[in-house]
Amino acid sequence: MVIEQQAYRNMTGMDGKDRRVSDVIDLQQALVADHIEGLEREGAALRAERVRDRDKAPDLPGVRVRLGQWLVGVGQSLAGSATATSRSLVSDQGPCDDGPDALSPAA
């Protein structure tokens, strides 16, 4: 005698669809639609903030320009700026320094 469990039965009586599966699909579709609406609201709010900020201060450089300037500043502070390096070479008063215009003895 073979006993078949409810979960393994052929679903011919329901046209091959389980009601629980369709409920899960409906729930997923509702969650996705809600998530998309939330993203659209967030995007609209960010666009409104950008327009408001642009109207307030039109003379400020853009975000990319400010980020680039910040990165250059960080790089200069880590490596030292070119002008600071050249000044330190010119004003070095070490024992072998003959001044910026003098040739080295090897030349």
PDB file of N, CA and C in Angstrom:
ATOM      1  N   MET A   1       0.827  -1.153   0.000  1.00  0.00           N
ATOM      2  CA  MET A   1       0.000   0.000   0.000  1.00  0.00           C
ATOM      3  C   MET A   1       0.893   1.245   0.000  1.00  0.00           C
ATOM      4  N   VAL A   2       0.611   2.219  -0.876  1.00  0.00           N
ATOM      5  CA  VAL A   2       1.397   3.436  -1.005  1.00  0.00           C
ATOM      6  C   VAL A   2       0.582   4.594  -0.446  1.00  0.00           C
ATOM      7  N   ILE A   3       1.190   5.317   0.481  1.00  0.00           N
ATOM      8  CA  ILE A   3       0.530   6.489   1.049  1.00  0.00           C
ATOM      9  C   ILE A   3       1.232   7.714   0.480  1.00  0.00           C
ATOM     10  N   GLU A   4       0.483   8.538  -0.158  1.00  0.00           N
ATOM     11  CA  GLU A   4       1.043   9.734  -0.789  1.00  0.00           C
ATOM     12  C   GLU A   4       0.740  10.943   0.083  1.00  0.00           C
ATOM     13  N   GLN A   5       1.766  11.766   0.325  1.00  0.00           N
ATOM     14  CA  GLN A   5       1.555  12.946   1.149  1.00  0.00           C
ATOM     15  C   GLN A   5       0.912  14.054   0.313  1.00  0.00           C
ATOM     16  N   GLN A   6       0.255  14.959   0.994  1.00  0.00           N
ATOM     17  CA  GLN A   6      -0.458  16.062   0.346  1.00  0.00           C
ATOM     18  C   GLN A   6       0.469  16.903  -0.535  1.00  0.00           C
ATOM     19  N   ALA A   7       1.715  17.124  -0.082  1.00  0.00           N
ATOM     20  CA  ALA A   7       2.636  17.994  -0.813  1.00  0.00           C
ATOM     21  C   ALA A   7       3.095  17.376  -2.125  1.00  0.00           C
ATOM     22  N   TYR A   8       3.052  16.056  -2.229  1.00  0.00           N
ATOM     23  CA  TYR A   8       3.554  15.404  -3.419  1.00  0.00           C
ATOM     24  C   TYR A   8       2.473  15.022  -4.416  1.00  0.00           C
ATOM     25  N   ARG A   9       1.271  15.337  -4.173  1.00  0.00           N
ATOM     26  CA  ARG A   9       0.191  14.991  -5.089  1.00  0.00           C
ATOM     27  C   ARG A   9       0.252  15.835  -6.339  1.00  0.00           C
ATOM     28  N   ASN A  10      -0.224  15.286  -7.393  1.00  0.00           N
ATOM     29  CA  ASN A  10      -0.315  16.007  -8.647  1.00  0.00           C
ATOM     30  C   ASN A  10      -1.385  17.082  -8.500  1.00  0.00           C
ATOM     31  N   MET A  11      -1.126  18.261  -8.990  1.00  0.00           N
ATOM     32  CA  MET A  11      -2.049  19.370  -8.800  1.00  0.00           C
ATOM     33  C   MET A  11      -2.934  19.556 -10.030  1.00  0.00           C
ATOM     34  N   THR A  12      -3.472  18.497 -10.555  1.00  0.00           N
ATOM     35  CA  THR A  12      -4.311  18.602 -11.752  1.00  0.00           C
ATOM     36  C   THR A  12      -5.652  19.232 -11.447  1.00  0.00           C
ATOM     37  N   GLY A  13      -6.105  19.119 -10.245  1.00  0.00           N
ATOM     38  CA  GLY A  13      -7.394  19.683  -9.892  1.00  0.00           C
ATOM     39  C   GLY A  13      -7.371  21.204  -9.821  1.00  0.00           C
ATOM     40  N   MET A  14      -6.182  21.796  -9.692  1.00  0.00           N
ATOM     41  CA  MET A  14      -6.067  23.244  -9.576  1.00  0.00           C
ATOM     42  C   MET A  14      -5.354  23.838 -10.789  1.00  0.00           C
ATOM     43  N   ASP A  15      -5.369  23.180 -11.896  1.00  0.00           N
ATOM     44  CA  ASP A  15      -4.702  23.620 -13.126  1.00  0.00           C
ATOM     45  C   ASP A  15      -3.199  23.792 -12.926  1.00  0.00           C
ATOM     46  N   GLY A  16      -2.577  23.004 -12.089  1.00  0.00           N
ATOM     47  CA  GLY A  16      -1.142  23.028 -11.896  1.00  0.00           C
ATOM     48  C   GLY A  16      -0.641  24.160 -11.016  1.00  0.00           C
ATOM     49  N   LYS A  17      -1.531  24.889 -10.365  1.00  0.00           N
ATOM     50  CA  LYS A  17      -1.107  26.013  -9.532  1.00  0.00           C
ATOM     51  C   LYS A  17      -1.535  25.781  -8.093  1.00  0.00           C
ATOM     52  N   ASP A  18      -0.604  26.013  -7.215  1.00  0.00           N
ATOM     53  CA  ASP A  18      -0.904  25.928  -5.797  1.00  0.00           C
ATOM     54  C   ASP A  18      -1.267  27.337  -5.320  1.00  0.00           C
ATOM     55  N   ARG A  19      -2.294  27.439  -4.517  1.00  0.00           N
ATOM     56  CA  ARG A  19      -2.746  28.743  -4.049  1.00  0.00           C
ATOM     57  C   ARG A  19      -1.666  29.443  -3.227  1.00  0.00           C
ATOM     58  N   ARG A  20      -0.893  28.678  -2.458  1.00  0.00           N
ATOM     59  CA  ARG A  20       0.170  29.276  -1.654  1.00  0.00           C
ATOM     60  C   ARG A  20       1.243  29.907  -2.536  1.00  0.00           C
ATOM     61  N   VAL A  21       1.557  29.272  -3.635  1.00  0.00           N
ATOM     62  CA  VAL A  21       2.566  29.809  -4.545  1.00  0.00           C
ATOM     63  C   VAL A  21       2.082  31.123  -5.143  1.00  0.00           C
ATOM     64  N   SER A  22       0.837  31.171  -5.558  1.00  0.00           N
ATOM     65  CA  SER A  22       0.320  32.413  -6.130  1.00  0.00           C
ATOM     66  C   SER A  22       0.240  33.515  -5.070  1.00  0.00           C
ATOM     67  N   ASP A  23      -0.042  33.134  -3.821  1.00  0.00           N
ATOM     68  CA  ASP A  23      -0.045  34.136  -2.741  1.00  0.00           C
ATOM     69  C   ASP A  23       1.350  34.704  -2.512  1.00  0.00           C
ATOM     70  N   VAL A  24       2.358  33.860  -2.559  1.00  0.00           N
ATOM     71  CA  VAL A  24       3.736  34.313  -2.377  1.00  0.00           C
ATOM     72  C   VAL A  24       4.143  35.215  -3.533  1.00  0.00           C
ATOM     73  N   ILE A  25       3.764  34.862  -4.742  1.00  0.00           N
ATOM     74  CA  ILE A  25       4.085  35.683  -5.910  1.00  0.00           C
ATOM     75  C   ILE A  25       3.410  37.044  -5.801  1.00  0.00           C
ATOM     76  N   ASP A  26       2.146  37.044  -5.389  1.00  0.00           N
ATOM     77  CA  ASP A  26       1.432  38.314  -5.209  1.00  0.00           C
ATOM     78  C   ASP A  26       2.104  39.177  -4.139  1.00  0.00           C
ATOM     79  N   LEU A  27       2.531  38.553  -3.046  1.00  0.00           N
ATOM     80  CA  LEU A  27       3.210  39.282  -1.978  1.00  0.00           C
ATOM     81  C   LEU A  27       4.531  39.869  -2.476  1.00  0.00           C
ATOM     82  N   GLN A  28       5.287  39.081  -3.235  1.00  0.00           N
ATOM     83  CA  GLN A  28       6.556  39.573  -3.776  1.00  0.00           C
ATOM     84  C   GLN A  28       6.333  40.735  -4.739  1.00  0.00           C
ATOM     85  N   GLN A  29       5.315  40.632  -5.564  1.00  0.00           N
ATOM     86  CA  GLN A  29       5.029  41.719  -6.492  1.00  0.00           C
ATOM     87  C   GLN A  29       4.633  42.990  -5.750  1.00  0.00           C
ATOM     88  N   ALA A  30       3.877  42.852  -4.678  1.00  0.00           N
ATOM     89  CA  ALA A  30       3.489  44.017  -3.888  1.00  0.00           C
ATOM     90  C   ALA A  30       4.707  44.636  -3.202  1.00  0.00           C
ATOM     91  N   LEU A  31       5.602  43.803  -2.682  1.00  0.00           N
ATOM     92  CA  LEU A  31       6.812  44.311  -2.041  1.00  0.00           C
ATOM     93  C   LEU A  31       7.714  45.038  -3.033  1.00  0.00           C
ATOM     94  N   VAL A  32       7.858  44.486  -4.223  1.00  0.00           N
ATOM     95  CA  VAL A  32       8.687  45.119  -5.252  1.00  0.00           C
ATOM     96  C   VAL A  32       8.078  46.456  -5.669  1.00  0.00           C
ATOM     97  N   ALA A  33       6.767  46.491  -5.865  1.00  0.00           N
ATOM     98  CA  ALA A  33       6.107  47.737  -6.252  1.00  0.00           C
ATOM     99  C   ALA A  33       6.271  48.792  -5.161  1.00  0.00           C
ATOM    100  N   ASP A  34       6.156  48.389  -3.899  1.00  0.00           N
ATOM    101  CA  ASP A  34       6.329  49.316  -2.790  1.00  0.00           C
ATOM    102  C   ASP A  34       7.772  49.828  -2.722  1.00  0.00           C
ATOM    103  N   HIS A  35       8.734  48.938  -2.952  1.00  0.00           N
ATOM    104  CA  HIS A  35      10.134  49.342  -2.936  1.00  0.00           C
ATOM    105  C   HIS A  35      10.436  50.330  -4.068  1.00  0.00           C
ATOM    106  N   ILE A  36       9.903  50.088  -5.240  1.00  0.00           N
ATOM    107  CA  ILE A  36      10.107  50.990  -6.380  1.00  0.00           C
ATOM    108  C   ILE A  36       9.497  52.354  -6.090  1.00  0.00           C
ATOM    109  N   GLU A  37       8.316  52.387  -5.508  1.00  0.00           N
ATOM    110  CA  GLU A  37       7.686  53.662  -5.147  1.00  0.00           C
ATOM    111  C   GLU A  37       8.532  54.427  -4.130  1.00  0.00           C
ATOM    112  N   GLY A  38       9.100  53.705  -3.166  1.00  0.00           N
ATOM    113  CA  GLY A  38       9.969  54.342  -2.176  1.00  0.00           C
ATOM    114  C   GLY A  38      11.211  54.935  -2.819  1.00  0.00           C
ATOM    115  N   LEU A  39      11.822  54.210  -3.763  1.00  0.00           N
ATOM    116  CA  LEU A  39      12.988  54.726  -4.466  1.00  0.00           C
ATOM    117  C   LEU A  39      12.638  55.949  -5.308  1.00  0.00           C
ATOM    118  N   GLU A  40      11.471  55.923  -5.936  1.00  0.00           N
ATOM    119  CA  GLU A  40      11.050  57.082  -6.735  1.00  0.00           C
ATOM    120  C   GLU A  40      10.819  58.302  -5.847  1.00  0.00           C
ATOM    121  N   ARG A  41      10.225  58.108  -4.656  1.00  0.00           N
ATOM    122  CA  ARG A  41      10.036  59.225  -3.722  1.00  0.00           C
ATOM    123  C   ARG A  41      11.376  59.779  -3.254  1.00  0.00           C
ATOM    124  N   GLU A  42      12.309  58.885  -2.947  1.00  0.00           N
ATOM    125  CA  GLU A  42      13.624  59.315  -2.502  1.00  0.00           C
ATOM    126  C   GLU A  42      14.355  60.075  -3.616  1.00  0.00           C
ATOM    127  N   GLY A  43      14.257  59.594  -4.840  1.00  0.00           N
ATOM    128  CA  GLY A  43      14.880  60.285  -5.965  1.00  0.00           C
ATOM    129  C   GLY A  43      14.283  61.660  -6.192  1.00  0.00           C
ATOM    130  N   ALA A  44      12.965  61.770  -6.081  1.00  0.00           N
ATOM    131  CA  ALA A  44      12.312  63.068  -6.248  1.00  0.00           C
ATOM    132  C   ALA A  44      12.751  64.036  -5.152  1.00  0.00           C
ATOM    133  N   ALA A  45      12.892  63.543  -3.934  1.00  0.00           N
ATOM    134  CA  ALA A  45      13.334  64.405  -2.831  1.00  0.00           C
ATOM    135  C   ALA A  45      14.770  64.873  -3.053  1.00  0.00           C
ATOM    136  N   LEU A  46      15.644  63.987  -3.522  1.00  0.00           N
ATOM    137  CA  LEU A  46      17.031  64.381  -3.788  1.00  0.00           C
ATOM    138  C   LEU A  46      17.117  65.392  -4.923  1.00  0.00           C
ATOM    139  N   ARG A  47      16.311  65.201  -5.969  1.00  0.00           N
ATOM    140  CA  ARG A  47      16.304  66.168  -7.069  1.00  0.00           C
ATOM    141  C   ARG A  47      15.811  67.525  -6.585  1.00  0.00           C
ATOM    142  N   ALA A  48      14.786  67.535  -5.738  1.00  0.00           N
ATOM    143  CA  ALA A  48      14.266  68.798  -5.199  1.00  0.00           C
ATOM    144  C   ALA A  48      15.322  69.494  -4.343  1.00  0.00           C
ATOM    145  N   GLU A  49      16.088  68.731  -3.549  1.00  0.00           N
ATOM    146  CA  GLU A  49      17.145  69.328  -2.745  1.00  0.00           C
ATOM    147  C   GLU A  49      18.235  69.931  -3.625  1.00  0.00           C
ATOM    148  N   ARG A  50      18.597  69.231  -4.706  1.00  0.00           N
ATOM    149  CA  ARG A  50      19.610  69.766  -5.618  1.00  0.00           C
ATOM    150  C   ARG A  50      19.156  71.066  -6.250  1.00  0.00           C
ATOM    151  N   VAL A  51      17.897  71.116  -6.676  1.00  0.00           N
ATOM    152  CA  VAL A  51      17.368  72.342  -7.286  1.00  0.00           C
ATOM    153  C   VAL A  51      17.362  73.471  -6.262  1.00  0.00           C
ATOM    154  N   ARG A  52      16.935  73.175  -5.046  1.00  0.00           N
ATOM    155  CA  ARG A  52      16.907  74.189  -3.993  1.00  0.00           C
ATOM    156  C   ARG A  52      18.306  74.705  -3.688  1.00  0.00           C
ATOM    157  N   ASP A  53      19.280  73.792  -3.571  1.00  0.00           N
ATOM    158  CA  ASP A  53      20.650  74.202  -3.271  1.00  0.00           C
ATOM    159  C   ASP A  53      21.260  74.982  -4.423  1.00  0.00           C
ATOM    160  N   ARG A  54      20.932  74.613  -5.643  1.00  0.00           N
ATOM    161  CA  ARG A  54      21.452  75.322  -6.807  1.00  0.00           C
ATOM    162  C   ARG A  54      20.892  76.739  -6.858  1.00  0.00           C
ATOM    163  N   ASP A  55      19.629  76.889  -6.480  1.00  0.00           N
ATOM    164  CA  ASP A  55      19.013  78.213  -6.475  1.00  0.00           C
ATOM    165  C   ASP A  55      19.575  79.094  -5.360  1.00  0.00           C
ATOM    166  N   LYS A  56      19.942  78.501  -4.234  1.00  0.00           N
ATOM    167  CA  LYS A  56      20.464  79.267  -3.105  1.00  0.00           C
ATOM    168  C   LYS A  56      21.850  79.826  -3.394  1.00  0.00           C
ATOM    169  N   ALA A  57      22.738  78.996  -3.897  1.00  0.00           N
ATOM    170  CA  ALA A  57      24.137  79.403  -4.069  1.00  0.00           C
ATOM    171  C   ALA A  57      24.615  79.047  -5.476  1.00  0.00           C
ATOM    172  N   PRO A  58      24.318  79.886  -6.456  1.00  0.00           N
ATOM    173  CA  PRO A  58      24.725  79.545  -7.828  1.00  0.00           C
ATOM    174  C   PRO A  58      26.214  79.703  -8.086  1.00  0.00           C
ATOM    175  N   ASP A  59      26.953  80.389  -7.218  1.00  0.00           N
ATOM    176  CA  ASP A  59      28.365  80.613  -7.465  1.00  0.00           C
ATOM    177  C   ASP A  59      29.263  79.492  -6.942  1.00  0.00           C
ATOM    178  N   LEU A  60      28.722  78.493  -6.258  1.00  0.00           N
ATOM    179  CA  LEU A  60      29.526  77.384  -5.758  1.00  0.00           C
ATOM    180  C   LEU A  60      29.872  76.428  -6.891  1.00  0.00           C
ATOM    181  N   PRO A  61      31.082  75.871  -6.882  1.00  0.00           N
ATOM    182  CA  PRO A  61      31.415  74.864  -7.899  1.00  0.00           C
ATOM    183  C   PRO A  61      30.632  73.581  -7.651  1.00  0.00           C
ATOM    184  N   GLY A  62      30.588  72.743  -8.648  1.00  0.00           N
ATOM    185  CA  GLY A  62      29.840  71.498  -8.544  1.00  0.00           C
ATOM    186  C   GLY A  62      30.478  70.522  -7.576  1.00  0.00           C
ATOM    187  N   VAL A  63      29.750  69.447  -7.313  1.00  0.00           N
ATOM    188  CA  VAL A  63      30.208  68.438  -6.358  1.00  0.00           C
ATOM    189  C   VAL A  63      31.498  67.791  -6.844  1.00  0.00           C
ATOM    190  N   ARG A  64      31.582  67.488  -8.140  1.00  0.00           N
ATOM    191  CA  ARG A  64      32.781  66.839  -8.668  1.00  0.00           C
ATOM    192  C   ARG A  64      33.995  67.761  -8.559  1.00  0.00           C
ATOM    193  N   VAL A  65      33.793  69.035  -8.802  1.00  0.00           N
ATOM    194  CA  VAL A  65      34.901  69.988  -8.700  1.00  0.00           C
ATOM    195  C   VAL A  65      35.368  70.086  -7.257  1.00  0.00           C
ATOM    196  N   ARG A  66      34.427  70.181  -6.326  1.00  0.00           N
ATOM    197  CA  ARG A  66      34.802  70.264  -4.914  1.00  0.00           C
ATOM    198  C   ARG A  66      35.508  68.999  -4.465  1.00  0.00           C
ATOM    199  N   LEU A  67      35.030  67.832  -4.923  1.00  0.00           N
ATOM    200  CA  LEU A  67      35.673  66.568  -4.571  1.00  0.00           C
ATOM    201  C   LEU A  67      37.083  66.520  -5.149  1.00  0.00           C
ATOM    202  N   GLY A  68      37.245  66.967  -6.391  1.00  0.00           N
ATOM    203  CA  GLY A  68      38.571  66.990  -6.997  1.00  0.00           C
ATOM    204  C   GLY A  68      39.515  67.913  -6.248  1.00  0.00           C
ATOM    205  N   GLN A  69      39.037  69.073  -5.857  1.00  0.00           N
ATOM    206  CA  GLN A  69      39.869  70.006  -5.098  1.00  0.00           C
ATOM    207  C   GLN A  69      40.249  69.414  -3.742  1.00  0.00           C
ATOM    208  N   TRP A  70      39.324  68.731  -3.123  1.00  0.00           N
ATOM    209  CA  TRP A  70      39.609  68.101  -1.841  1.00  0.00           C
ATOM    210  C   TRP A  70      40.676  67.018  -2.012  1.00  0.00           C
ATOM    211  N   LEU A  71      40.543  66.187  -3.071  1.00  0.00           N
ATOM    212  CA  LEU A  71      41.519  65.122  -3.315  1.00  0.00           C
ATOM    213  C   LEU A  71      42.903  65.700  -3.598  1.00  0.00           C
ATOM    214  N   VAL A  72      42.977  66.788  -4.352  1.00  0.00           N
ATOM    215  CA  VAL A  72      44.253  67.436  -4.617  1.00  0.00           C
ATOM    216  C   VAL A  72      44.854  67.949  -3.311  1.00  0.00           C
ATOM    217  N   GLY A  73      44.034  68.550  -2.469  1.00  0.00           N
ATOM    218  CA  GLY A  73      44.517  69.027  -1.177  1.00  0.00           C
ATOM    219  C   GLY A  73      45.049  67.903  -0.311  1.00  0.00           C
ATOM    220  N   VAL A  74      44.346  66.776  -0.296  1.00  0.00           N
ATOM    221  CA  VAL A  74      44.809  65.630   0.488  1.00  0.00           C
ATOM    222  C   VAL A  74      46.121  65.104  -0.079  1.00  0.00           C
ATOM    223  N   GLY A  75      46.204  65.004  -1.400  1.00  0.00           N
ATOM    224  CA  GLY A  75      47.447  64.539  -2.018  1.00  0.00           C
ATOM    225  C   GLY A  75      48.614  65.459  -1.731  1.00  0.00           C
ATOM    226  N   GLN A  76      48.374  66.757  -1.781  1.00  0.00           N
ATOM    227  CA  GLN A  76      49.439  67.701  -1.485  1.00  0.00           C
ATOM    228  C   GLN A  76      49.862  67.636  -0.028  1.00  0.00           C
ATOM    229  N   SER A  77      48.906  67.427   0.852  1.00  0.00           N
ATOM    230  CA  SER A  77      49.275  67.346   2.264  1.00  0.00           C
ATOM    231  C   SER A  77      50.044  66.060   2.559  1.00  0.00           C
ATOM    232  N   LEU A  78      49.756  64.988   1.836  1.00  0.00           N
ATOM    233  CA  LEU A  78      50.492  63.737   2.046  1.00  0.00           C
ATOM    234  C   LEU A  78      51.877  63.781   1.414  1.00  0.00           C
ATOM    235  N   ALA A  79      51.948  64.296   0.184  1.00  0.00           N
ATOM    236  CA  ALA A  79      53.214  64.293  -0.538  1.00  0.00           C
ATOM    237  C   ALA A  79      53.972  65.593  -0.383  1.00  0.00           C
ATOM    238  N   GLY A  80      53.301  66.618   0.042  1.00  0.00           N
ATOM    239  CA  GLY A  80      53.921  67.936   0.091  1.00  0.00           C
ATOM    240  C   GLY A  80      53.706  68.614  -1.250  1.00  0.00           C
ATOM    241  N   SER A  81      53.403  69.872  -1.228  1.00  0.00           N
ATOM    242  CA  SER A  81      53.131  70.561  -2.488  1.00  0.00           C
ATOM    243  C   SER A  81      54.432  70.821  -3.232  1.00  0.00           C
ATOM    244  N   ALA A  82      54.360  71.045  -4.532  1.00  0.00           N
ATOM    245  CA  ALA A  82      55.537  71.279  -5.364  1.00  0.00           C
ATOM    246  C   ALA A  82      56.203  72.593  -4.980  1.00  0.00           C
ATOM    247  N   THR A  83      55.421  73.595  -4.637  1.00  0.00           N
ATOM    248  CA  THR A  83      56.013  74.888  -4.278  1.00  0.00           C
ATOM    249  C   THR A  83      56.758  74.795  -2.949  1.00  0.00           C
ATOM    250  N   ALA A  84      56.242  74.035  -2.016  1.00  0.00           N
ATOM    251  CA  ALA A  84      56.933  73.883  -0.734  1.00  0.00           C
ATOM    252  C   ALA A  84      58.237  73.121  -0.929  1.00  0.00           C
ATOM    253  N   THR A  85      58.243  72.127  -1.809  1.00  0.00           N
ATOM    254  CA  THR A  85      59.448  71.349  -2.058  1.00  0.00           C
ATOM    255  C   THR A  85      60.503  72.210  -2.742  1.00  0.00           C
ATOM    256  N   SER A  86      60.095  72.970  -3.757  1.00  0.00           N
ATOM    257  CA  SER A  86      61.068  73.798  -4.462  1.00  0.00           C
ATOM    258  C   SER A  86      61.599  74.896  -3.555  1.00  0.00           C
ATOM    259  N   ARG A  87      60.793  75.448  -2.705  1.00  0.00           N
ATOM    260  CA  ARG A  87      61.261  76.475  -1.769  1.00  0.00           C
ATOM    261  C   ARG A  87      62.285  75.893  -0.801  1.00  0.00           C
ATOM    262  N   SER A  88      62.022  74.683  -0.354  1.00  0.00           N
ATOM    263  CA  SER A  88      62.968  74.091   0.590  1.00  0.00           C
ATOM    264  C   SER A  88      64.287  73.785  -0.098  1.00  0.00           C
ATOM    265  N   LEU A  89      64.286  73.471  -1.381  1.00  0.00           N
ATOM    266  CA  LEU A  89      65.530  73.243  -2.104  1.00  0.00           C
ATOM    267  C   LEU A  89      66.284  74.548  -2.312  1.00  0.00           C
ATOM    268  N   VAL A  90      65.572  75.617  -2.635  1.00  0.00           N
ATOM    269  CA  VAL A  90      66.207  76.897  -2.895  1.00  0.00           C
ATOM    270  C   VAL A  90      66.760  77.499  -1.611  1.00  0.00           C
ATOM    271  N   SER A  91      66.031  77.388  -0.533  1.00  0.00           N
ATOM    272  CA  SER A  91      66.451  78.049   0.698  1.00  0.00           C
ATOM    273  C   SER A  91      67.272  77.150   1.603  1.00  0.00           C
ATOM    274  N   ASP A  92      67.726  76.026   1.100  1.00  0.00           N
ATOM    275  CA  ASP A  92      68.532  75.140   1.934  1.00  0.00           C
ATOM    276  C   ASP A  92      69.894  75.779   2.162  1.00  0.00           C
ATOM    277  N   GLN A  93      70.244  75.977   3.381  1.00  0.00           N
ATOM    278  CA  GLN A  93      71.507  76.615   3.735  1.00  0.00           C
ATOM    279  C   GLN A  93      72.476  75.584   4.311  1.00  0.00           C
ATOM    280  N   GLY A  94      72.511  74.421   3.727  1.00  0.00           N
ATOM    281  CA  GLY A  94      73.401  73.360   4.219  1.00  0.00           C
ATOM    282  C   GLY A  94      74.855  73.664   3.928  1.00  0.00           C
ATOM    283  N   PRO A  95      75.782  72.807   4.378  1.00  0.00           N
ATOM    284  CA  PRO A  95      77.212  73.066   4.216  1.00  0.00           C
ATOM    285  C   PRO A  95      77.675  73.051   2.756  1.00  0.00           C
ATOM    286  N   CYS A  96      76.945  72.378   1.887  1.00  0.00           N
ATOM    287  CA  CYS A  96      77.358  72.301   0.483  1.00  0.00           C
ATOM    288  C   CYS A  96      76.560  73.239  -0.403  1.00  0.00           C
ATOM    289  N   ASP A  97      75.750  74.106   0.176  1.00  0.00           N
ATOM    290  CA  ASP A  97      74.883  74.971  -0.607  1.00  0.00           C
ATOM    291  C   ASP A  97      75.645  76.207  -1.057  1.00  0.00           C
ATOM    292  N   ASP A  98      75.749  76.347  -2.389  1.00  0.00           N
ATOM    293  CA  ASP A  98      76.395  77.528  -2.965  1.00  0.00           C
ATOM    294  C   ASP A  98      75.367  78.508  -3.480  1.00  0.00           C
ATOM    295  N   GLY A  99      74.117  78.256  -3.238  1.00  0.00           N
ATOM    296  CA  GLY A  99      73.071  79.141  -3.741  1.00  0.00           C
ATOM    297  C   GLY A  99      72.380  78.509  -4.936  1.00  0.00           C
ATOM    298  N   PRO A 100      71.215  79.045  -5.333  1.00  0.00           N
ATOM    299  CA  PRO A 100      70.439  78.421  -6.416  1.00  0.00           C
ATOM    300  C   PRO A 100      71.065  78.625  -7.794  1.00  0.00           C
ATOM    301  N   ASP A 101      71.942  79.610  -7.973  1.00  0.00           N
ATOM    302  CA  ASP A 101      72.483  79.880  -9.308  1.00  0.00           C
ATOM    303  C   ASP A 101      73.866  79.271  -9.517  1.00  0.00           C
ATOM    304  N   ALA A 102      74.467  78.783  -8.483  1.00  0.00           N
ATOM    305  CA  ALA A 102      75.826  78.260  -8.610  1.00  0.00           C
ATOM    306  C   ALA A 102      75.820  76.854  -9.187  1.00  0.00           C
ATOM    307  N   LEU A 103      76.851  76.531  -9.947  1.00  0.00           N
ATOM    308  CA  LEU A 103      77.003  75.183 -10.485  1.00  0.00           C
ATOM    309  C   LEU A 103      77.674  74.311  -9.436  1.00  0.00           C
ATOM    310  N   SER A 104      77.387  73.036  -9.534  1.00  0.00           N
ATOM    311  CA  SER A 104      78.028  72.139  -8.591  1.00  0.00           C
ATOM    312  C   SER A 104      79.503  71.958  -9.003  1.00  0.00           C
ATOM    313  N   PRO A 105      80.385  71.594  -8.092  1.00  0.00           N
ATOM    314  CA  PRO A 105      81.801  71.446  -8.440  1.00  0.00           C
ATOM    315  C   PRO A 105      82.042  70.377  -9.491  1.00  0.00           C
ATOM    316  N   ALA A 106      81.156  69.409  -9.633  1.00  0.00           N
ATOM    317  CA  ALA A 106      81.349  68.354 -10.614  1.00  0.00           C
ATOM    318  C   ALA A 106      81.062  68.843 -12.024  1.00  0.00           C
ATOM    319  N   ALA A 107      80.390  69.960 -12.202  1.00  0.00           N
ATOM    320  CA  ALA A 107      80.013  70.420 -13.533  1.00  0.00           C
ATOM    321  C   ALA A 107      81.095  71.114 -14.219  1.00  0.00           C
TER     322      ALA A 107
END
